[in-house]
Amino acid sequence: MLLFEETGGLDLDATLRCGQTFLWRPLEGGGWAGTAAGRAVTARMEGKALVLEGADEADRAFWERYFALDLDYPALLGRFCAGSKRLAACVEHSPGIRVLRQPFFETLCCFIISQNNNIPRITAITGRLCEGLGAPLGGGLHAFPAPEVLAALRPEDLAFLRAGWRAEYLIDAARRVASGLVSEAALTSLPDAEARALLMTVKGVGPKVADCVLLYSLSRWSVVPMDVWMKRAMARLFPRGAPVCCRPYQGIAQQFIFDYARDVLPRKTADKKTTKPRRND
């Protein structure tokens, strides 16, 4: 078991529900079961502390980085709130959200699956992918399949995923990663624009999916993935662009903006028919 007593105000439920990860499942009675980089844990909050069952001290650095516990969120959010009243409202709506640092290949595949999809279906497809092709980790959980495993398959081999045209994109991504044409090391060494362009050499990866990988896996905090709902939220709340106070952490700020817009803005638009937005429209 691992215990993180200092979590800087982490809200585990809000963080795992906000559309940035699809490899965690809520447990009856509270807490979550999930996997990352071949590690399986159950996570829960005990007061302000984060408890990870199934992890030990050898994994402390990994999970500290994964949950961004090494980033001073209270200071960062204080800066956001002091610099913009509208951004402060977004932060105060759900201040415990944290932008995760997820494994690269898992993040790439999950956001390929996310295209024109909703969170429950994305979660179901990723679950079938892990159960069908990933190594068992115990407790009914499976690792995310390695790129070499997916690279050896054909689209028809992934029919069990019920992912449609996304199967071809997953295999192309796996082949490019397995061959080294697209690598985490290369992406890490490149400026944002060049890293985005490299990711977009993967079949089916456009700017939004590429930016999700840059933000949610590679810690490019200034990158802002823009989908339909974020564009609407920015036009409504920040028509002149992201406030200066959030630079160079615009990507972190957008997670609070999106969550606020998802929950609050539709209710304020009484004269229009609205639906609750999804992260992946």
C-alpha atoms as a PDB file:
ATOM      1  CA  MET A   1       0.000   0.000   0.000  1.00  0.00           C
ATOM      2  CA  LEU A   2       1.113   3.537  -0.748  1.00  0.00           C
ATOM      3  CA  LEU A   3      -0.034   6.567   1.209  1.00  0.00           C
ATOM      4  CA  PHE A   4       0.327  10.128  -0.041  1.00  0.00           C
ATOM      5  CA  GLU A   5      -0.544  12.426   2.828  1.00  0.00           C
ATOM      6  CA  GLU A   6       0.179  15.667   0.982  1.00  0.00           C
ATOM      7  CA  THR A   7      -2.022  15.840  -2.104  1.00  0.00           C
ATOM      8  CA  GLY A   8      -2.535  19.591  -2.407  1.00  0.00           C
ATOM      9  CA  GLY A   9      -6.321  19.325  -2.446  1.00  0.00           C
ATOM     10  CA  LEU A  10      -6.648  16.476  -4.967  1.00  0.00           C
ATOM     11  CA  ASP A  11     -10.237  15.448  -5.731  1.00  0.00           C
ATOM     12  CA  LEU A  12      -9.834  11.896  -7.008  1.00  0.00           C
ATOM     13  CA  ASP A  13     -13.401  11.521  -8.275  1.00  0.00           C
ATOM     14  CA  ALA A  14     -13.360  14.800 -10.200  1.00  0.00           C
ATOM     15  CA  THR A  15      -9.941  14.021 -11.677  1.00  0.00           C
ATOM     16  CA  LEU A  16     -10.859  10.566 -12.937  1.00  0.00           C
ATOM     17  CA  ARG A  17     -14.299  11.572 -14.224  1.00  0.00           C
ATOM     18  CA  CYS A  18     -13.384  14.700 -16.199  1.00  0.00           C
ATOM     19  CA  GLY A  19     -12.638  13.035 -19.535  1.00  0.00           C
ATOM     20  CA  GLN A  20      -8.849  12.839 -19.546  1.00  0.00           C
ATOM     21  CA  THR A  21      -8.520   9.123 -18.739  1.00  0.00           C
ATOM     22  CA  PHE A  22     -10.555   6.032 -19.609  1.00  0.00           C
ATOM     23  CA  LEU A  23      -8.705   3.265 -17.765  1.00  0.00           C
ATOM     24  CA  TRP A  24     -10.267   3.656 -14.317  1.00  0.00           C
ATOM     25  CA  ARG A  25     -13.516   2.144 -13.023  1.00  0.00           C
ATOM     26  CA  PRO A  26     -15.476   3.345  -9.982  1.00  0.00           C
ATOM     27  CA  LEU A  27     -15.914   0.791  -7.226  1.00  0.00           C
ATOM     28  CA  GLU A  28     -19.026   0.117  -5.220  1.00  0.00           C
ATOM     29  CA  GLY A  29     -18.644   1.810  -1.874  1.00  0.00           C
ATOM     30  CA  GLY A  30     -16.156   4.346  -3.212  1.00  0.00           C
ATOM     31  CA  GLY A  31     -12.726   4.409  -4.736  1.00  0.00           C
ATOM     32  CA  TRP A  32     -11.440   3.424  -8.161  1.00  0.00           C
ATOM     33  CA  ALA A  33      -9.682   0.492  -9.824  1.00  0.00           C
ATOM     34  CA  GLY A  34      -7.308   1.285 -12.650  1.00  0.00           C
ATOM     35  CA  THR A  35      -4.122   0.521 -14.494  1.00  0.00           C
ATOM     36  CA  ALA A  36      -1.198   2.468 -15.898  1.00  0.00           C
ATOM     37  CA  ALA A  37       2.040   1.201 -17.441  1.00  0.00           C
ATOM     38  CA  GLY A  38       1.419  -2.381 -16.363  1.00  0.00           C
ATOM     39  CA  ARG A  39       0.551  -1.426 -12.791  1.00  0.00           C
ATOM     40  CA  ALA A  40      -2.860  -2.207 -11.277  1.00  0.00           C
ATOM     41  CA  VAL A  41      -4.114  -0.387  -8.190  1.00  0.00           C
ATOM     42  CA  THR A  42      -7.220   0.606  -6.342  1.00  0.00           C
ATOM     43  CA  ALA A  43      -7.251   4.247  -5.321  1.00  0.00           C
ATOM     44  CA  ARG A  44      -9.273   6.038  -2.670  1.00  0.00           C
ATOM     45  CA  MET A  45      -9.165   9.181  -0.585  1.00  0.00           C
ATOM     46  CA  GLU A  46      -8.956   9.024   3.192  1.00  0.00           C
ATOM     47  CA  GLY A  47      -9.608  12.599   4.175  1.00  0.00           C
ATOM     48  CA  LYS A  48      -7.005  14.600   2.267  1.00  0.00           C
ATOM     49  CA  ALA A  49      -4.700  11.612   1.748  1.00  0.00           C
ATOM     50  CA  LEU A  50      -4.490   9.399  -1.338  1.00  0.00           C
ATOM     51  CA  VAL A  51      -4.283   5.656  -0.677  1.00  0.00           C
ATOM     52  CA  LEU A  52      -3.175   3.240  -3.410  1.00  0.00           C
ATOM     53  CA  GLU A  53      -3.710  -0.461  -2.709  1.00  0.00           C
ATOM     54  CA  GLY A  54      -1.579  -2.760  -4.826  1.00  0.00           C
ATOM     55  CA  ALA A  55       1.362  -0.339  -5.035  1.00  0.00           C
ATOM     56  CA  ASP A  56       4.519  -0.255  -2.932  1.00  0.00           C
ATOM     57  CA  GLU A  57       7.404   2.095  -2.276  1.00  0.00           C
ATOM     58  CA  ALA A  58       9.104   1.113  -5.532  1.00  0.00           C
ATOM     59  CA  ASP A  59       6.168   2.710  -7.353  1.00  0.00           C
ATOM     60  CA  ARG A  60       6.003   5.920  -5.312  1.00  0.00           C
ATOM     61  CA  ALA A  61       7.775   8.124  -7.847  1.00  0.00           C
ATOM     62  CA  PHE A  62       5.631   6.768 -10.684  1.00  0.00           C
ATOM     63  CA  TRP A  63       2.302   7.458  -8.988  1.00  0.00           C
ATOM     64  CA  GLU A  64       3.436  10.801  -7.580  1.00  0.00           C
ATOM     65  CA  ARG A  65       4.162  11.899 -11.123  1.00  0.00           C
ATOM     66  CA  TYR A  66       1.028  10.244 -12.544  1.00  0.00           C
ATOM     67  CA  PHE A  67      -1.286  12.160 -10.211  1.00  0.00           C
ATOM     68  CA  ALA A  68       0.805  15.363 -10.567  1.00  0.00           C
ATOM     69  CA  LEU A  69       1.449  15.441  -6.833  1.00  0.00           C
ATOM     70  CA  ASP A  70       4.855  16.954  -7.535  1.00  0.00           C
ATOM     71  CA  LEU A  71       3.282  20.104  -8.998  1.00  0.00           C
ATOM     72  CA  ASP A  72       2.309  22.879  -6.567  1.00  0.00           C
ATOM     73  CA  TYR A  73      -1.334  23.104  -7.551  1.00  0.00           C
ATOM     74  CA  PRO A  74      -2.419  25.340  -4.642  1.00  0.00           C
ATOM     75  CA  ALA A  75       0.095  27.994  -5.734  1.00  0.00           C
ATOM     76  CA  LEU A  76      -0.790  27.574  -9.415  1.00  0.00           C
ATOM     77  CA  LEU A  77      -4.522  27.824  -8.837  1.00  0.00           C
ATOM     78  CA  GLY A  78      -3.980  30.791  -6.535  1.00  0.00           C
ATOM     79  CA  ARG A  79      -2.281  32.537  -9.433  1.00  0.00           C
ATOM     80  CA  PHE A  80      -5.139  31.653 -11.768  1.00  0.00           C
ATOM     81  CA  CYS A  81      -7.734  32.994  -9.333  1.00  0.00           C
ATOM     82  CA  ALA A  82      -5.844  36.196  -8.566  1.00  0.00           C
ATOM     83  CA  GLY A  83      -5.438  37.012 -12.240  1.00  0.00           C
ATOM     84  CA  SER A  84      -8.966  36.479 -13.587  1.00  0.00           C
ATOM     85  CA  LYS A  85     -12.376  36.512 -11.912  1.00  0.00           C
ATOM     86  CA  ARG A  86     -13.857  34.312 -14.624  1.00  0.00           C
ATOM     87  CA  LEU A  87     -11.041  31.810 -14.385  1.00  0.00           C
ATOM     88  CA  ALA A  88     -11.421  31.900 -10.603  1.00  0.00           C
ATOM     89  CA  ALA A  89     -15.069  30.877 -11.005  1.00  0.00           C
ATOM     90  CA  CYS A  90     -13.984  27.933 -13.162  1.00  0.00           C
ATOM     91  CA  VAL A  91     -11.338  26.819 -10.668  1.00  0.00           C
ATOM     92  CA  GLU A  92     -13.619  27.219  -7.656  1.00  0.00           C
ATOM     93  CA  HIS A  93     -16.270  25.059  -9.324  1.00  0.00           C
ATOM     94  CA  SER A  94     -14.017  21.981  -8.995  1.00  0.00           C
ATOM     95  CA  PRO A  95     -10.645  22.951  -7.489  1.00  0.00           C
ATOM     96  CA  GLY A  96      -9.460  19.378  -6.927  1.00  0.00           C
ATOM     97  CA  ILE A  97      -9.096  18.439 -10.601  1.00  0.00           C
ATOM     98  CA  ARG A  98      -5.551  17.528 -11.575  1.00  0.00           C
ATOM     99  CA  VAL A  99      -4.157  16.976 -15.070  1.00  0.00           C
ATOM    100  CA  LEU A 100      -2.631  13.513 -15.078  1.00  0.00           C
ATOM    101  CA  ARG A 101       0.638  12.366 -16.622  1.00  0.00           C
ATOM    102  CA  GLN A 102      -0.365   9.161 -18.378  1.00  0.00           C
ATOM    103  CA  PRO A 103       1.749   6.621 -20.302  1.00  0.00           C
ATOM    104  CA  PHE A 104       2.326   7.729 -23.874  1.00  0.00           C
ATOM    105  CA  PHE A 105       1.088   4.794 -25.978  1.00  0.00           C
ATOM    106  CA  GLU A 106      -1.955   4.247 -23.767  1.00  0.00           C
ATOM    107  CA  THR A 107      -2.900   7.896 -24.082  1.00  0.00           C
ATOM    108  CA  LEU A 108      -2.442   7.918 -27.851  1.00  0.00           C
ATOM    109  CA  CYS A 109      -4.696   4.887 -28.311  1.00  0.00           C
ATOM    110  CA  CYS A 110      -7.341   6.067 -25.848  1.00  0.00           C
ATOM    111  CA  PHE A 111      -7.736   9.401 -27.597  1.00  0.00           C
ATOM    112  CA  ILE A 112      -7.841   7.733 -31.016  1.00  0.00           C
ATOM    113  CA  ILE A 113     -10.754   5.717 -29.617  1.00  0.00           C
ATOM    114  CA  SER A 114     -12.302   8.907 -28.204  1.00  0.00           C
ATOM    115  CA  GLN A 115     -12.968  10.453 -31.617  1.00  0.00           C
ATOM    116  CA  ASN A 116     -16.692  11.090 -32.225  1.00  0.00           C
ATOM    117  CA  ASN A 117     -17.422   9.032 -29.138  1.00  0.00           C
ATOM    118  CA  ASN A 118     -18.762   9.410 -25.606  1.00  0.00           C
ATOM    119  CA  ILE A 119     -17.083   8.574 -22.322  1.00  0.00           C
ATOM    120  CA  PRO A 120     -19.078   5.399 -21.451  1.00  0.00           C
ATOM    121  CA  ARG A 121     -18.424   3.904 -24.896  1.00  0.00           C
ATOM    122  CA  ILE A 122     -14.743   4.909 -24.867  1.00  0.00           C
ATOM    123  CA  THR A 123     -14.382   3.259 -21.463  1.00  0.00           C
ATOM    124  CA  ALA A 124     -16.104   0.103 -22.715  1.00  0.00           C
ATOM    125  CA  ILE A 125     -13.867  -0.143 -25.809  1.00  0.00           C
ATOM    126  CA  THR A 126     -10.669   0.391 -23.839  1.00  0.00           C
ATOM    127  CA  GLY A 127     -11.851  -2.208 -21.348  1.00  0.00           C
ATOM    128  CA  ARG A 128     -12.364  -4.773 -24.106  1.00  0.00           C
ATOM    129  CA  LEU A 129      -8.972  -3.883 -25.589  1.00  0.00           C
ATOM    130  CA  CYS A 130      -7.177  -4.550 -22.309  1.00  0.00           C
ATOM    131  CA  GLU A 131      -9.148  -7.687 -21.450  1.00  0.00           C
ATOM    132  CA  GLY A 132      -8.710  -9.137 -24.915  1.00  0.00           C
ATOM    133  CA  LEU A 133      -5.033  -8.380 -25.527  1.00  0.00           C
ATOM    134  CA  GLY A 134      -3.447  -7.224 -22.276  1.00  0.00           C
ATOM    135  CA  ALA A 135      -1.583  -9.281 -19.691  1.00  0.00           C
ATOM    136  CA  PRO A 136      -3.628 -10.116 -16.573  1.00  0.00           C
ATOM    137  CA  LEU A 137      -2.625  -8.077 -13.525  1.00  0.00           C
ATOM    138  CA  GLY A 138      -4.913  -9.629 -10.919  1.00  0.00           C
ATOM    139  CA  GLY A 139      -8.206  -8.506  -9.483  1.00  0.00           C
ATOM    140  CA  GLY A 140      -9.843  -8.780 -12.890  1.00  0.00           C
ATOM    141  CA  LEU A 141      -7.616  -6.037 -14.328  1.00  0.00           C
ATOM    142  CA  HIS A 142      -5.422  -6.263 -17.402  1.00  0.00           C
ATOM    143  CA  ALA A 143      -2.507  -4.216 -18.655  1.00  0.00           C
ATOM    144  CA  PHE A 144      -2.856  -2.080 -21.735  1.00  0.00           C
ATOM    145  CA  PRO A 145      -1.504  -4.102 -24.683  1.00  0.00           C
ATOM    146  CA  ALA A 146       2.004  -3.277 -25.856  1.00  0.00           C
ATOM    147  CA  PRO A 147       2.377  -1.613 -29.255  1.00  0.00           C
ATOM    148  CA  GLU A 148       4.096  -4.753 -30.579  1.00  0.00           C
ATOM    149  CA  VAL A 149       0.976  -6.793 -29.790  1.00  0.00           C
ATOM    150  CA  LEU A 150      -1.342  -4.469 -31.675  1.00  0.00           C
ATOM    151  CA  ALA A 151       1.146  -3.958 -34.505  1.00  0.00           C
ATOM    152  CA  ALA A 152       0.977  -7.665 -35.410  1.00  0.00           C
ATOM    153  CA  LEU A 153      -2.797  -7.550 -35.956  1.00  0.00           C
ATOM    154  CA  ARG A 154      -5.134  -6.628 -38.769  1.00  0.00           C
ATOM    155  CA  PRO A 155      -8.255  -4.445 -38.389  1.00  0.00           C
ATOM    156  CA  GLU A 156     -10.516  -7.507 -38.595  1.00  0.00           C
ATOM    157  CA  ASP A 157      -8.676  -8.981 -35.602  1.00  0.00           C
ATOM    158  CA  LEU A 158     -10.040  -6.093 -33.535  1.00  0.00           C
ATOM    159  CA  ALA A 159     -13.682  -6.676 -34.457  1.00  0.00           C
ATOM    160  CA  PHE A 160     -14.346  -7.701 -30.838  1.00  0.00           C
ATOM    161  CA  LEU A 161     -13.674  -4.110 -29.748  1.00  0.00           C
ATOM    162  CA  ARG A 162     -16.692  -2.845 -31.713  1.00  0.00           C
ATOM    163  CA  ALA A 163     -14.618   0.264 -32.392  1.00  0.00           C
ATOM    164  CA  GLY A 164     -15.461   0.565 -36.099  1.00  0.00           C
ATOM    165  CA  TRP A 165     -13.036   2.524 -38.259  1.00  0.00           C
ATOM    166  CA  ARG A 166     -10.894   3.298 -35.208  1.00  0.00           C
ATOM    167  CA  ALA A 167      -9.402  -0.221 -35.343  1.00  0.00           C
ATOM    168  CA  GLU A 168      -7.366   0.667 -38.433  1.00  0.00           C
ATOM    169  CA  TYR A 169      -6.075   3.796 -36.704  1.00  0.00           C
ATOM    170  CA  LEU A 170      -5.069   1.862 -33.579  1.00  0.00           C
ATOM    171  CA  ILE A 171      -3.028  -0.587 -35.615  1.00  0.00           C
ATOM    172  CA  ASP A 172      -1.325   2.186 -37.568  1.00  0.00           C
ATOM    173  CA  ALA A 173      -0.435   3.916 -34.293  1.00  0.00           C
ATOM    174  CA  ALA A 174       0.941   0.688 -32.863  1.00  0.00           C
ATOM    175  CA  ARG A 175       3.057  -0.009 -35.935  1.00  0.00           C
ATOM    176  CA  ARG A 176       4.516   3.489 -35.955  1.00  0.00           C
ATOM    177  CA  VAL A 177       5.349   3.334 -32.248  1.00  0.00           C
ATOM    178  CA  ALA A 178       6.704  -0.223 -32.392  1.00  0.00           C
ATOM    179  CA  SER A 179       8.947   0.684 -35.349  1.00  0.00           C
ATOM    180  CA  GLY A 180      10.208   3.870 -33.709  1.00  0.00           C
ATOM    181  CA  LEU A 181       8.737   6.168 -36.361  1.00  0.00           C
ATOM    182  CA  VAL A 182       6.808   7.867 -33.558  1.00  0.00           C
ATOM    183  CA  SER A 183       8.440   7.674 -30.142  1.00  0.00           C
ATOM    184  CA  GLU A 184       7.989   9.317 -26.784  1.00  0.00           C
ATOM    185  CA  ALA A 185      11.680  10.219 -26.757  1.00  0.00           C
ATOM    186  CA  ALA A 186      11.451  12.005 -30.100  1.00  0.00           C
ATOM    187  CA  LEU A 187       8.276  13.831 -29.108  1.00  0.00           C
ATOM    188  CA  THR A 188       9.814  14.944 -25.825  1.00  0.00           C
ATOM    189  CA  SER A 189      12.748  16.492 -27.667  1.00  0.00           C
ATOM    190  CA  LEU A 190      10.619  18.489 -30.129  1.00  0.00           C
ATOM    191  CA  PRO A 191       8.891  21.881 -29.780  1.00  0.00           C
ATOM    192  CA  ASP A 192       5.100  21.718 -29.496  1.00  0.00           C
ATOM    193  CA  ALA A 193       4.386  22.401 -33.174  1.00  0.00           C
ATOM    194  CA  GLU A 194       6.836  19.782 -34.406  1.00  0.00           C
ATOM    195  CA  ALA A 195       5.677  17.217 -31.853  1.00  0.00           C
ATOM    196  CA  ARG A 196       2.085  17.831 -32.935  1.00  0.00           C
ATOM    197  CA  ALA A 197       3.051  17.358 -36.578  1.00  0.00           C
ATOM    198  CA  LEU A 198       4.824  14.073 -35.786  1.00  0.00           C
ATOM    199  CA  LEU A 199       1.787  12.739 -33.932  1.00  0.00           C
ATOM    200  CA  MET A 200      -0.397  13.707 -36.873  1.00  0.00           C
ATOM    201  CA  THR A 201       1.546  11.322 -39.109  1.00  0.00           C
ATOM    202  CA  VAL A 202      -0.444   8.581 -37.369  1.00  0.00           C
ATOM    203  CA  LYS A 203      -3.503   7.699 -39.423  1.00  0.00           C
ATOM    204  CA  GLY A 204      -6.605   9.371 -38.052  1.00  0.00           C
ATOM    205  CA  VAL A 205      -4.796  11.664 -35.599  1.00  0.00           C
ATOM    206  CA  GLY A 206      -5.762  15.297 -36.043  1.00  0.00           C
ATOM    207  CA  PRO A 207      -4.832  18.399 -34.048  1.00  0.00           C
ATOM    208  CA  LYS A 208      -7.224  17.720 -31.168  1.00  0.00           C
ATOM    209  CA  VAL A 209      -6.092  14.139 -30.526  1.00  0.00           C
ATOM    210  CA  ALA A 210      -2.444  15.170 -30.916  1.00  0.00           C
ATOM    211  CA  ASP A 211      -2.910  17.959 -28.385  1.00  0.00           C
ATOM    212  CA  CYS A 212      -4.580  15.584 -25.928  1.00  0.00           C
ATOM    213  CA  VAL A 213      -1.522  13.336 -26.113  1.00  0.00           C
ATOM    214  CA  LEU A 214       0.820  16.307 -25.658  1.00  0.00           C
ATOM    215  CA  LEU A 215      -1.100  17.543 -22.613  1.00  0.00           C
ATOM    216  CA  TYR A 216      -2.265  14.370 -20.862  1.00  0.00           C
ATOM    217  CA  SER A 217       0.865  12.303 -21.439  1.00  0.00           C
ATOM    218  CA  LEU A 218       3.824  14.560 -22.224  1.00  0.00           C
ATOM    219  CA  SER A 219       3.098  17.372 -19.742  1.00  0.00           C
ATOM    220  CA  ARG A 220       2.956  20.101 -22.372  1.00  0.00           C
ATOM    221  CA  TRP A 221       1.058  22.361 -19.990  1.00  0.00           C
ATOM    222  CA  SER A 222       0.681  25.180 -22.518  1.00  0.00           C
ATOM    223  CA  VAL A 223      -1.176  23.000 -25.047  1.00  0.00           C
ATOM    224  CA  VAL A 224      -4.961  23.405 -25.155  1.00  0.00           C
ATOM    225  CA  PRO A 225      -6.970  20.656 -26.891  1.00  0.00           C
ATOM    226  CA  MET A 226      -9.884  22.342 -28.637  1.00  0.00           C
ATOM    227  CA  ASP A 227     -13.067  20.420 -29.302  1.00  0.00           C
ATOM    228  CA  VAL A 228     -16.543  21.796 -30.031  1.00  0.00           C
ATOM    229  CA  TRP A 229     -17.363  22.402 -26.385  1.00  0.00           C
ATOM    230  CA  MET A 230     -14.061  24.046 -25.510  1.00  0.00           C
ATOM    231  CA  LYS A 231     -14.442  26.392 -28.475  1.00  0.00           C
ATOM    232  CA  ARG A 232     -17.901  27.344 -27.252  1.00  0.00           C
ATOM    233  CA  ALA A 233     -16.697  27.736 -23.683  1.00  0.00           C
ATOM    234  CA  MET A 234     -13.802  29.954 -24.715  1.00  0.00           C
ATOM    235  CA  ALA A 235     -16.026  32.070 -26.949  1.00  0.00           C
ATOM    236  CA  ARG A 236     -18.466  32.535 -24.091  1.00  0.00           C
ATOM    237  CA  LEU A 237     -16.054  33.013 -21.191  1.00  0.00           C
ATOM    238  CA  PHE A 238     -12.779  34.185 -22.725  1.00  0.00           C
ATOM    239  CA  PRO A 239     -13.450  35.674 -26.165  1.00  0.00           C
ATOM    240  CA  ARG A 240     -10.070  37.415 -26.118  1.00  0.00           C
ATOM    241  CA  GLY A 241      -8.225  34.190 -25.392  1.00  0.00           C
ATOM    242  CA  ALA A 242      -6.852  32.560 -22.273  1.00  0.00           C
ATOM    243  CA  PRO A 243      -6.009  35.011 -19.476  1.00  0.00           C
ATOM    244  CA  VAL A 244      -2.370  36.020 -19.208  1.00  0.00           C
ATOM    245  CA  CYS A 245      -2.255  34.721 -15.629  1.00  0.00           C
ATOM    246  CA  CYS A 246      -2.494  31.092 -16.749  1.00  0.00           C
ATOM    247  CA  ARG A 247       0.495  31.156 -19.104  1.00  0.00           C
ATOM    248  CA  PRO A 248       2.344  28.838 -19.635  1.00  0.00           C
ATOM    249  CA  TYR A 249      -0.222  26.527 -18.013  1.00  0.00           C
ATOM    250  CA  GLN A 250      -3.133  27.116 -20.387  1.00  0.00           C
ATOM    251  CA  GLY A 251      -3.637  23.374 -20.779  1.00  0.00           C
ATOM    252  CA  ILE A 252      -4.203  22.969 -17.060  1.00  0.00           C
ATOM    253  CA  ALA A 253      -6.504  25.982 -17.018  1.00  0.00           C
ATOM    254  CA  GLN A 254      -8.614  24.538 -19.850  1.00  0.00           C
ATOM    255  CA  GLN A 255      -9.460  21.485 -17.743  1.00  0.00           C
ATOM    256  CA  PHE A 256     -11.149  23.734 -15.185  1.00  0.00           C
ATOM    257  CA  ILE A 257     -12.802  25.802 -17.917  1.00  0.00           C
ATOM    258  CA  PHE A 258     -14.189  22.695 -19.593  1.00  0.00           C
ATOM    259  CA  ASP A 259     -15.525  21.217 -16.365  1.00  0.00           C
ATOM    260  CA  TYR A 260     -17.175  24.512 -15.427  1.00  0.00           C
ATOM    261  CA  ALA A 261     -18.682  24.930 -18.894  1.00  0.00           C
ATOM    262  CA  ARG A 262     -19.961  21.356 -18.903  1.00  0.00           C
ATOM    263  CA  ASP A 263     -21.780  21.746 -15.606  1.00  0.00           C
ATOM    264  CA  VAL A 264     -22.745  25.420 -15.459  1.00  0.00           C
ATOM    265  CA  LEU A 265     -23.083  27.050 -18.857  1.00  0.00           C
ATOM    266  CA  PRO A 266     -25.851  24.785 -20.217  1.00  0.00           C
ATOM    267  CA  ARG A 267     -28.040  25.621 -17.229  1.00  0.00           C
ATOM    268  CA  LYS A 268     -27.535  29.325 -17.854  1.00  0.00           C
ATOM    269  CA  THR A 269     -28.729  29.058 -21.443  1.00  0.00           C
ATOM    270  CA  ALA A 270     -32.421  28.861 -20.734  1.00  0.00           C
ATOM    271  CA  ASP A 271     -33.498  30.185 -24.093  1.00  0.00           C
ATOM    272  CA  LYS A 272     -31.746  27.422 -26.063  1.00  0.00           C
ATOM    273  CA  LYS A 273     -31.999  23.662 -26.139  1.00  0.00           C
ATOM    274  CA  THR A 274     -28.736  22.340 -24.726  1.00  0.00           C
ATOM    275  CA  THR A 275     -27.309  18.994 -23.788  1.00  0.00           C
ATOM    276  CA  LYS A 276     -24.563  18.223 -21.343  1.00  0.00           C
ATOM    277  CA  PRO A 277     -21.305  18.295 -23.316  1.00  0.00           C
ATOM    278  CA  ARG A 278     -18.935  15.411 -23.709  1.00  0.00           C
ATOM    279  CA  ARG A 279     -15.170  15.708 -23.592  1.00  0.00           C
ATOM    280  CA  ASN A 280     -14.779  14.041 -26.958  1.00  0.00           C
ATOM    281  CA  ASP A 281     -17.333  15.584 -29.324  1.00  0.00           C
END
